Amino acid sequence: MHSHLAEQFASELINVRSDAELDGALGQVSRRLGFDHFALSLETRSASRDDPGLLLHDYPDEWAKVYVAFDLAGQDPVRRACDKTVIGFAWDWIDDLVPLTRGDRQMLAVGRECGIGNGYTVPRHLPGIGRGTCTFAVKPEKKLPRRLFALAEMVGTLALSCALGLSGQCPQKPVPALSDRQRECLLWVARGKTAAEVAMILGISSETVIQHLKVARERYQVHCKQSLVVSALFDGLIGFGDIIRWRDTA
C-alpha cells in the first residue's frame, strides 16, 4: 500500500504548476497520511511587503485569525525549533530542541482550543535563498501517525521543492552526477540500512560507504542523509519503487 501512496505523492507534488494545484495536492496528501491539516510556508530573502513569500494552509479559520491578529509568528516555538534541526520533528519533541516558555505553552494550548493538536514539521534551510517549513497536524483528540513520519518527511521536502520552483527563486540546475557505487550506497541507505550493513551487502568497507555518501551529500549540497535521499528521489536518481517495493518483499 505504501509503495503506491509514495509514488502517487511524488507524481502529484512534482507535477503541480501553480500554488492552487500545490495547495490541493497537499490537502489530499495530508489526509492520506492520516493528518487533518497542513501548512506550508516559504520565506525567501527577496520577500517584501508586496511579495511576502508563499503561505498555504487549511488550518481552522479561528486559529488562522488568532495567529495573524496577534502576530504570533515571531513567538512561535515551532519556528524556533526549526532553527535547531535539519530533519522533521513532532511538536511534542520541541522541548528537546528549544526551552518552552510559559507563553509558548499558552500559545500551543490556544492552538488546541482552536482545533490544532499535535503536529509534525519538516524544516528546510535554503542557503542564499531563505527558509521553508511544511507541517502536518492533527486535531486535539487524535494521535499523530508516527509510523508514517518518514513519508511525511519526503512529502514535505518535495512540496517545498515544488514551492521553490513555483516562486522562481530556484533556477534549474543539472542533476548532480553520482557514480554507480555512490548510487548503490545511497539506495541501500534509503532502504534503511546502516553503513555497516551496506558494506556487507556490497562487499566493501564501512569507511568506503561513508566516503561515498559524504561525496554524494557534497554534490547535492545537503547535510544529512534524509535530505540526500529526498533530493535523489526528486531528481529521479532513485525511485520510490526501488525503496518501498524492496521493503515489502524483504
C-alpha atoms as a PDB file:
ATOM      1  CA  MET A   1       0.000   0.000   0.000  1.00  0.00           C
ATOM      2  CA  HIS A   2       2.709   2.451   0.950  1.00  0.00           C
ATOM      3  CA  SER A   3       4.548   1.944  -2.333  1.00  0.00           C
ATOM      4  CA  HIS A   4       1.508   3.127  -4.320  1.00  0.00           C
ATOM      5  CA  LEU A   5       0.923   6.042  -1.945  1.00  0.00           C
ATOM      6  CA  ALA A   6       4.539   7.180  -2.132  1.00  0.00           C
ATOM      7  CA  GLU A   7       4.620   7.090  -5.925  1.00  0.00           C
ATOM      8  CA  GLN A   8       1.332   8.962  -6.080  1.00  0.00           C
ATOM      9  CA  PHE A   9       2.606  11.599  -3.643  1.00  0.00           C
ATOM     10  CA  ALA A  10       5.667  12.148  -5.799  1.00  0.00           C
ATOM     11  CA  SER A  11       3.727  12.487  -9.052  1.00  0.00           C
ATOM     12  CA  GLU A  12       1.149  14.834  -7.522  1.00  0.00           C
ATOM     13  CA  LEU A  13       3.707  17.151  -5.959  1.00  0.00           C
ATOM     14  CA  ILE A  14       6.328  17.145  -8.699  1.00  0.00           C
ATOM     15  CA  ASN A  15       3.833  17.833 -11.483  1.00  0.00           C
ATOM     16  CA  VAL A  16       1.991  20.810  -9.959  1.00  0.00           C
ATOM     17  CA  ARG A  17       2.173  24.023 -11.961  1.00  0.00           C
ATOM     18  CA  SER A  18       0.526  26.581  -9.654  1.00  0.00           C
ATOM     19  CA  ASP A  19       0.096  27.487  -5.986  1.00  0.00           C
ATOM     20  CA  ALA A  20      -3.526  26.356  -6.183  1.00  0.00           C
ATOM     21  CA  GLU A  21      -2.530  22.923  -7.502  1.00  0.00           C
ATOM     22  CA  LEU A  22       0.088  22.569  -4.784  1.00  0.00           C
ATOM     23  CA  ASP A  23      -2.498  23.563  -2.171  1.00  0.00           C
ATOM     24  CA  GLY A  24      -4.922  20.926  -3.459  1.00  0.00           C
ATOM     25  CA  ALA A  25      -2.287  18.212  -3.678  1.00  0.00           C
ATOM     26  CA  LEU A  26      -1.073  18.879  -0.139  1.00  0.00           C
ATOM     27  CA  GLY A  27      -4.612  18.744   1.201  1.00  0.00           C
ATOM     28  CA  GLN A  28      -5.169  15.324  -0.362  1.00  0.00           C
ATOM     29  CA  VAL A  29      -1.774  14.001   0.654  1.00  0.00           C
ATOM     30  CA  SER A  30      -2.108  15.110   4.281  1.00  0.00           C
ATOM     31  CA  ARG A  31      -5.412  13.221   4.622  1.00  0.00           C
ATOM     32  CA  ARG A  32      -3.954  10.057   3.119  1.00  0.00           C
ATOM     33  CA  LEU A  33      -1.077  10.252   5.563  1.00  0.00           C
ATOM     34  CA  GLY A  34      -3.551  10.366   8.438  1.00  0.00           C
ATOM     35  CA  PHE A  35      -3.312  14.096   9.249  1.00  0.00           C
ATOM     36  CA  ASP A  36      -6.161  16.601   9.385  1.00  0.00           C
ATOM     37  CA  HIS A  37      -4.378  19.804   8.361  1.00  0.00           C
ATOM     38  CA  PHE A  38      -1.272  21.078   6.603  1.00  0.00           C
ATOM     39  CA  ALA A  39       0.646  24.351   6.412  1.00  0.00           C
ATOM     40  CA  LEU A  40       3.452  25.223   4.016  1.00  0.00           C
ATOM     41  CA  SER A  41       5.498  28.388   4.401  1.00  0.00           C
ATOM     42  CA  LEU A  42       8.241  29.609   2.075  1.00  0.00           C
ATOM     43  CA  GLU A  43      10.139  32.746   3.052  1.00  0.00           C
ATOM     44  CA  THR A  44      12.707  33.927   0.513  1.00  0.00           C
ATOM     45  CA  ARG A  45      15.397  36.551   1.001  1.00  0.00           C
ATOM     46  CA  SER A  46      13.757  38.687  -1.672  1.00  0.00           C
ATOM     47  CA  ALA A  47      10.398  38.662   0.130  1.00  0.00           C
ATOM     48  CA  SER A  48       8.876  42.108   0.685  1.00  0.00           C
ATOM     49  CA  ARG A  49       5.610  43.606   1.920  1.00  0.00           C
ATOM     50  CA  ASP A  50       4.263  43.384  -1.636  1.00  0.00           C
ATOM     51  CA  ASP A  51       5.597  39.843  -2.126  1.00  0.00           C
ATOM     52  CA  PRO A  52       5.824  38.199   1.311  1.00  0.00           C
ATOM     53  CA  GLY A  53       6.574  34.715   0.040  1.00  0.00           C
ATOM     54  CA  LEU A  54       4.205  31.759  -0.016  1.00  0.00           C
ATOM     55  CA  LEU A  55       1.826  30.518   2.677  1.00  0.00           C
ATOM     56  CA  LEU A  56      -0.572  27.651   2.023  1.00  0.00           C
ATOM     57  CA  HIS A  57      -2.659  26.010   4.749  1.00  0.00           C
ATOM     58  CA  ASP A  58      -6.028  24.552   5.617  1.00  0.00           C
ATOM     59  CA  TYR A  59      -5.918  25.334   9.343  1.00  0.00           C
ATOM     60  CA  PRO A  60      -9.213  26.213  11.053  1.00  0.00           C
ATOM     61  CA  ASP A  61     -10.220  29.814  10.343  1.00  0.00           C
ATOM     62  CA  GLU A  62     -10.348  30.609  14.061  1.00  0.00           C
ATOM     63  CA  TRP A  63      -6.686  29.676  14.572  1.00  0.00           C
ATOM     64  CA  ALA A  64      -5.572  31.466  11.397  1.00  0.00           C
ATOM     65  CA  LYS A  65      -7.300  34.674  12.527  1.00  0.00           C
ATOM     66  CA  VAL A  66      -5.766  34.491  16.024  1.00  0.00           C
ATOM     67  CA  TYR A  67      -2.302  33.765  14.605  1.00  0.00           C
ATOM     68  CA  VAL A  68      -2.431  36.754  12.247  1.00  0.00           C
ATOM     69  CA  ALA A  69      -4.275  39.171  14.550  1.00  0.00           C
ATOM     70  CA  PHE A  70      -1.792  38.729  17.399  1.00  0.00           C
ATOM     71  CA  ASP A  71       1.240  38.402  15.094  1.00  0.00           C
ATOM     72  CA  LEU A  72       2.188  35.078  16.688  1.00  0.00           C
ATOM     73  CA  ALA A  73       4.716  34.120  14.000  1.00  0.00           C
ATOM     74  CA  GLY A  74       7.539  35.847  15.866  1.00  0.00           C
ATOM     75  CA  GLN A  75       6.656  33.984  19.075  1.00  0.00           C
ATOM     76  CA  ASP A  76       6.014  30.558  17.552  1.00  0.00           C
ATOM     77  CA  PRO A  77       8.095  27.853  19.308  1.00  0.00           C
ATOM     78  CA  VAL A  78       7.735  25.629  16.238  1.00  0.00           C
ATOM     79  CA  ARG A  79       9.572  28.232  14.156  1.00  0.00           C
ATOM     80  CA  ARG A  80      12.326  28.483  16.784  1.00  0.00           C
ATOM     81  CA  ALA A  81      12.698  24.697  16.840  1.00  0.00           C
ATOM     82  CA  CYS A  82      13.123  24.721  13.053  1.00  0.00           C
ATOM     83  CA  ASP A  83      16.348  26.678  13.524  1.00  0.00           C
ATOM     84  CA  LYS A  84      17.768  23.864  15.676  1.00  0.00           C
ATOM     85  CA  THR A  85      17.329  20.895  13.350  1.00  0.00           C
ATOM     86  CA  VAL A  86      17.554  19.901   9.697  1.00  0.00           C
ATOM     87  CA  ILE A  87      15.097  16.992   9.948  1.00  0.00           C
ATOM     88  CA  GLY A  88      11.409  16.768  10.776  1.00  0.00           C
ATOM     89  CA  PHE A  89      10.155  16.754  14.346  1.00  0.00           C
ATOM     90  CA  ALA A  90       6.896  16.157  16.204  1.00  0.00           C
ATOM     91  CA  TRP A  91       5.700  19.064  18.299  1.00  0.00           C
ATOM     92  CA  ASP A  92       5.914  17.007  21.481  1.00  0.00           C
ATOM     93  CA  TRP A  93       9.677  16.900  20.850  1.00  0.00           C
ATOM     94  CA  ILE A  94      10.037  20.700  20.762  1.00  0.00           C
ATOM     95  CA  ASP A  95      11.110  20.907  24.392  1.00  0.00           C
ATOM     96  CA  ASP A  96      14.156  18.793  23.460  1.00  0.00           C
ATOM     97  CA  LEU A  97      15.130  21.368  20.816  1.00  0.00           C
ATOM     98  CA  VAL A  98      14.315  24.702  22.465  1.00  0.00           C
ATOM     99  CA  PRO A  99      13.204  25.578  26.006  1.00  0.00           C
ATOM    100  CA  LEU A 100       9.466  26.226  26.137  1.00  0.00           C
ATOM    101  CA  THR A 101       8.377  29.339  28.000  1.00  0.00           C
ATOM    102  CA  ARG A 102       5.045  29.803  29.748  1.00  0.00           C
ATOM    103  CA  GLY A 103       3.959  31.901  26.769  1.00  0.00           C
ATOM    104  CA  ASP A 104       4.924  29.092  24.368  1.00  0.00           C
ATOM    105  CA  ARG A 105       2.825  26.580  26.279  1.00  0.00           C
ATOM    106  CA  GLN A 106      -0.068  29.019  26.359  1.00  0.00           C
ATOM    107  CA  MET A 107       0.208  29.541  22.604  1.00  0.00           C
ATOM    108  CA  LEU A 108       0.134  25.785  21.959  1.00  0.00           C
ATOM    109  CA  ALA A 109      -2.861  25.494  24.287  1.00  0.00           C
ATOM    110  CA  VAL A 110      -4.736  28.194  22.333  1.00  0.00           C
ATOM    111  CA  GLY A 111      -3.950  26.272  19.161  1.00  0.00           C
ATOM    112  CA  ARG A 112      -5.550  23.171  20.653  1.00  0.00           C
ATOM    113  CA  GLU A 113      -8.623  25.189  21.632  1.00  0.00           C
ATOM    114  CA  CYS A 114      -8.865  26.316  18.015  1.00  0.00           C
ATOM    115  CA  GLY A 115      -8.641  22.780  16.641  1.00  0.00           C
ATOM    116  CA  ILE A 116      -4.898  22.169  16.166  1.00  0.00           C
ATOM    117  CA  GLY A 117      -3.443  19.419  18.367  1.00  0.00           C
ATOM    118  CA  ASN A 118      -0.075  17.828  17.732  1.00  0.00           C
ATOM    119  CA  GLY A 119       1.895  18.200  14.516  1.00  0.00           C
ATOM    120  CA  TYR A 120       4.946  17.108  12.532  1.00  0.00           C
ATOM    121  CA  THR A 121       7.047  19.859  10.947  1.00  0.00           C
ATOM    122  CA  VAL A 122       9.615  19.462   8.172  1.00  0.00           C
ATOM    123  CA  PRO A 123      12.085  22.391   8.163  1.00  0.00           C
ATOM    124  CA  ARG A 124      14.270  23.265   5.216  1.00  0.00           C
ATOM    125  CA  HIS A 125      17.081  25.818   5.286  1.00  0.00           C
ATOM    126  CA  LEU A 126      17.795  27.155   1.801  1.00  0.00           C
ATOM    127  CA  PRO A 127      21.276  28.743   1.777  1.00  0.00           C
ATOM    128  CA  GLY A 128      21.267  32.017  -0.139  1.00  0.00           C
ATOM    129  CA  ILE A 129      17.521  31.754  -0.756  1.00  0.00           C
ATOM    130  CA  GLY A 130      15.596  31.671   2.521  1.00  0.00           C
ATOM    131  CA  ARG A 131      13.766  29.098   4.607  1.00  0.00           C
ATOM    132  CA  GLY A 132      10.706  26.905   4.370  1.00  0.00           C
ATOM    133  CA  THR A 133       8.583  24.647   6.513  1.00  0.00           C
ATOM    134  CA  CYS A 134       5.907  22.086   5.778  1.00  0.00           C
ATOM    135  CA  THR A 135       3.741  20.972   8.681  1.00  0.00           C
ATOM    136  CA  PHE A 136       1.166  18.229   9.013  1.00  0.00           C
ATOM    137  CA  ALA A 137      -1.152  18.471  12.030  1.00  0.00           C
ATOM    138  CA  VAL A 138      -3.955  16.515  13.685  1.00  0.00           C
ATOM    139  CA  LYS A 139      -6.984  17.510  15.711  1.00  0.00           C
ATOM    140  CA  PRO A 140      -6.561  17.669  19.502  1.00  0.00           C
ATOM    141  CA  GLU A 141      -8.284  14.336  20.134  1.00  0.00           C
ATOM    142  CA  LYS A 142      -6.270  12.458  17.507  1.00  0.00           C
ATOM    143  CA  LYS A 143      -2.837  10.813  17.709  1.00  0.00           C
ATOM    144  CA  LEU A 144      -0.074  11.502  15.197  1.00  0.00           C
ATOM    145  CA  PRO A 145       0.505   8.733  12.600  1.00  0.00           C
ATOM    146  CA  ARG A 146       4.096   8.275  13.761  1.00  0.00           C
ATOM    147  CA  ARG A 147       4.806   5.239  11.602  1.00  0.00           C
ATOM    148  CA  LEU A 148       4.388   7.487   8.552  1.00  0.00           C
ATOM    149  CA  PHE A 149       6.789  10.226   9.659  1.00  0.00           C
ATOM    150  CA  ALA A 150       9.373   9.124   7.060  1.00  0.00           C
ATOM    151  CA  LEU A 151       6.803   9.525   4.287  1.00  0.00           C
ATOM    152  CA  ALA A 152       5.706  12.867   5.722  1.00  0.00           C
ATOM    153  CA  GLU A 153       9.352  13.992   5.645  1.00  0.00           C
ATOM    154  CA  MET A 154       9.625  13.075   1.956  1.00  0.00           C
ATOM    155  CA  VAL A 155       6.315  14.678   1.048  1.00  0.00           C
ATOM    156  CA  GLY A 156       7.130  17.856   2.953  1.00  0.00           C
ATOM    157  CA  THR A 157      10.503  18.207   1.282  1.00  0.00           C
ATOM    158  CA  LEU A 158       9.062  17.545  -2.174  1.00  0.00           C
ATOM    159  CA  ALA A 159       6.333  20.108  -1.522  1.00  0.00           C
ATOM    160  CA  LEU A 160       8.894  22.731  -0.516  1.00  0.00           C
ATOM    161  CA  SER A 161      10.968  21.947  -3.592  1.00  0.00           C
ATOM    162  CA  CYS A 162       7.866  22.457  -5.733  1.00  0.00           C
ATOM    163  CA  ALA A 163       7.047  25.714  -3.932  1.00  0.00           C
ATOM    164  CA  LEU A 164      10.571  26.941  -4.515  1.00  0.00           C
ATOM    165  CA  GLY A 165      10.298  26.177  -8.207  1.00  0.00           C
ATOM    166  CA  LEU A 166       6.961  27.974  -8.421  1.00  0.00           C
ATOM    167  CA  SER A 167       8.475  31.028  -6.705  1.00  0.00           C
ATOM    168  CA  GLY A 168      11.067  31.391  -9.450  1.00  0.00           C
ATOM    169  CA  GLN A 169      13.819  31.631  -6.832  1.00  0.00           C
ATOM    170  CA  CYS A 170      15.450  28.349  -7.755  1.00  0.00           C
ATOM    171  CA  PRO A 171      16.919  28.209 -11.284  1.00  0.00           C
ATOM    172  CA  GLN A 172      17.030  24.798 -12.913  1.00  0.00           C
ATOM    173  CA  LYS A 173      20.333  23.099 -12.265  1.00  0.00           C
ATOM    174  CA  PRO A 174      21.682  19.898 -13.756  1.00  0.00           C
ATOM    175  CA  VAL A 175      21.200  16.789 -11.656  1.00  0.00           C
ATOM    176  CA  PRO A 176      24.399  16.083  -9.675  1.00  0.00           C
ATOM    177  CA  ALA A 177      26.353  13.195 -11.142  1.00  0.00           C
ATOM    178  CA  LEU A 178      26.846  10.210  -8.846  1.00  0.00           C
ATOM    179  CA  SER A 179      28.888   7.140  -9.654  1.00  0.00           C
ATOM    180  CA  ASP A 180      27.198   3.749  -9.811  1.00  0.00           C
ATOM    181  CA  ARG A 181      28.729   2.818  -6.460  1.00  0.00           C
ATOM    182  CA  GLN A 182      27.609   6.086  -4.839  1.00  0.00           C
ATOM    183  CA  ARG A 183      24.079   5.481  -6.108  1.00  0.00           C
ATOM    184  CA  GLU A 184      24.155   1.911  -4.772  1.00  0.00           C
ATOM    185  CA  CYS A 185      25.195   3.121  -1.325  1.00  0.00           C
ATOM    186  CA  LEU A 186      22.514   5.808  -1.392  1.00  0.00           C
ATOM    187  CA  LEU A 187      19.838   3.322  -2.440  1.00  0.00           C
ATOM    188  CA  TRP A 188      20.632   0.900   0.395  1.00  0.00           C
ATOM    189  CA  VAL A 189      20.649   3.755   2.909  1.00  0.00           C
ATOM    190  CA  ALA A 190      17.243   4.838   1.563  1.00  0.00           C
ATOM    191  CA  ARG A 191      16.096   1.272   2.233  1.00  0.00           C
ATOM    192  CA  GLY A 192      17.010   1.738   5.883  1.00  0.00           C
ATOM    193  CA  LYS A 193      20.421   0.058   6.002  1.00  0.00           C
ATOM    194  CA  THR A 194      23.313   1.339   8.095  1.00  0.00           C
ATOM    195  CA  ALA A 195      26.756   1.998   6.624  1.00  0.00           C
ATOM    196  CA  ALA A 196      27.998  -1.275   8.136  1.00  0.00           C
ATOM    197  CA  GLU A 197      25.100  -3.226   6.615  1.00  0.00           C
ATOM    198  CA  VAL A 198      25.626  -1.586   3.222  1.00  0.00           C
ATOM    199  CA  ALA A 199      29.308  -2.514   3.403  1.00  0.00           C
ATOM    200  CA  MET A 200      28.419  -6.174   3.991  1.00  0.00           C
ATOM    201  CA  ILE A 201      25.889  -6.188   1.148  1.00  0.00           C
ATOM    202  CA  LEU A 202      28.255  -4.573  -1.359  1.00  0.00           C
ATOM    203  CA  GLY A 203      31.419  -6.294  -0.136  1.00  0.00           C
ATOM    204  CA  ILE A 204      33.296  -3.085   0.639  1.00  0.00           C
ATOM    205  CA  SER A 205      34.462  -1.431   3.855  1.00  0.00           C
ATOM    206  CA  SER A 206      32.270   0.737   6.060  1.00  0.00           C
ATOM    207  CA  GLU A 207      34.738   3.595   5.597  1.00  0.00           C
ATOM    208  CA  THR A 208      34.282   3.373   1.828  1.00  0.00           C
ATOM    209  CA  VAL A 209      30.495   3.502   2.191  1.00  0.00           C
ATOM    210  CA  ILE A 210      30.744   6.530   4.479  1.00  0.00           C
ATOM    211  CA  GLN A 211      33.029   8.277   1.990  1.00  0.00           C
ATOM    212  CA  HIS A 212      30.691   7.545  -0.938  1.00  0.00           C
ATOM    213  CA  LEU A 213      27.765   9.034   0.985  1.00  0.00           C
ATOM    214  CA  LYS A 214      29.838  12.041   2.031  1.00  0.00           C
ATOM    215  CA  VAL A 215      30.707  12.777  -1.601  1.00  0.00           C
ATOM    216  CA  ALA A 216      27.049  12.359  -2.601  1.00  0.00           C
ATOM    217  CA  ARG A 217      25.950  14.848   0.081  1.00  0.00           C
ATOM    218  CA  GLU A 218      28.590  17.331  -1.053  1.00  0.00           C
ATOM    219  CA  ARG A 219      27.456  17.088  -4.667  1.00  0.00           C
ATOM    220  CA  TYR A 220      23.857  17.664  -3.612  1.00  0.00           C
ATOM    221  CA  GLN A 221      24.920  20.335  -1.101  1.00  0.00           C
ATOM    222  CA  VAL A 222      22.898  18.779   1.747  1.00  0.00           C
ATOM    223  CA  HIS A 223      23.944  17.953   5.296  1.00  0.00           C
ATOM    224  CA  CYS A 224      22.009  14.832   6.281  1.00  0.00           C
ATOM    225  CA  LYS A 225      21.023  11.511   4.748  1.00  0.00           C
ATOM    226  CA  GLN A 226      17.298  12.329   4.810  1.00  0.00           C
ATOM    227  CA  SER A 227      17.814  15.378   2.594  1.00  0.00           C
ATOM    228  CA  LEU A 228      20.125  13.379   0.330  1.00  0.00           C
ATOM    229  CA  VAL A 229      17.543  10.636  -0.132  1.00  0.00           C
ATOM    230  CA  VAL A 230      14.716  13.096  -0.845  1.00  0.00           C
ATOM    231  CA  SER A 231      16.864  15.111  -3.281  1.00  0.00           C
ATOM    232  CA  ALA A 232      17.777  11.942  -5.182  1.00  0.00           C
ATOM    233  CA  LEU A 233      14.110  10.907  -5.269  1.00  0.00           C
ATOM    234  CA  PHE A 234      13.099  14.336  -6.551  1.00  0.00           C
ATOM    235  CA  ASP A 235      15.684  14.162  -9.349  1.00  0.00           C
ATOM    236  CA  GLY A 236      14.718  10.606 -10.283  1.00  0.00           C
ATOM    237  CA  LEU A 237      18.136   9.217  -9.428  1.00  0.00           C
ATOM    238  CA  ILE A 238      16.350   6.615  -7.313  1.00  0.00           C
ATOM    239  CA  GLY A 239      12.652   5.808  -7.257  1.00  0.00           C
ATOM    240  CA  PHE A 240      10.079   5.188  -4.564  1.00  0.00           C
ATOM    241  CA  GLY A 241       9.556   1.762  -6.069  1.00  0.00           C
ATOM    242  CA  ASP A 242      13.272   0.987  -5.634  1.00  0.00           C
ATOM    243  CA  ILE A 243      12.878   1.605  -1.909  1.00  0.00           C
ATOM    244  CA  ILE A 244       9.435   0.571  -0.824  1.00  0.00           C
ATOM    245  CA  ARG A 245       8.759  -2.443  -3.034  1.00  0.00           C
ATOM    246  CA  TRP A 246      12.045  -3.871  -1.762  1.00  0.00           C
ATOM    247  CA  ARG A 247      10.856  -3.312   1.815  1.00  0.00           C
ATOM    248  CA  ASP A 248       7.541  -5.001   1.054  1.00  0.00           C
ATOM    249  CA  THR A 249       9.334  -8.130  -0.189  1.00  0.00           C
ATOM    250  CA  ALA A 250      12.251  -8.129   2.286  1.00  0.00           C
END
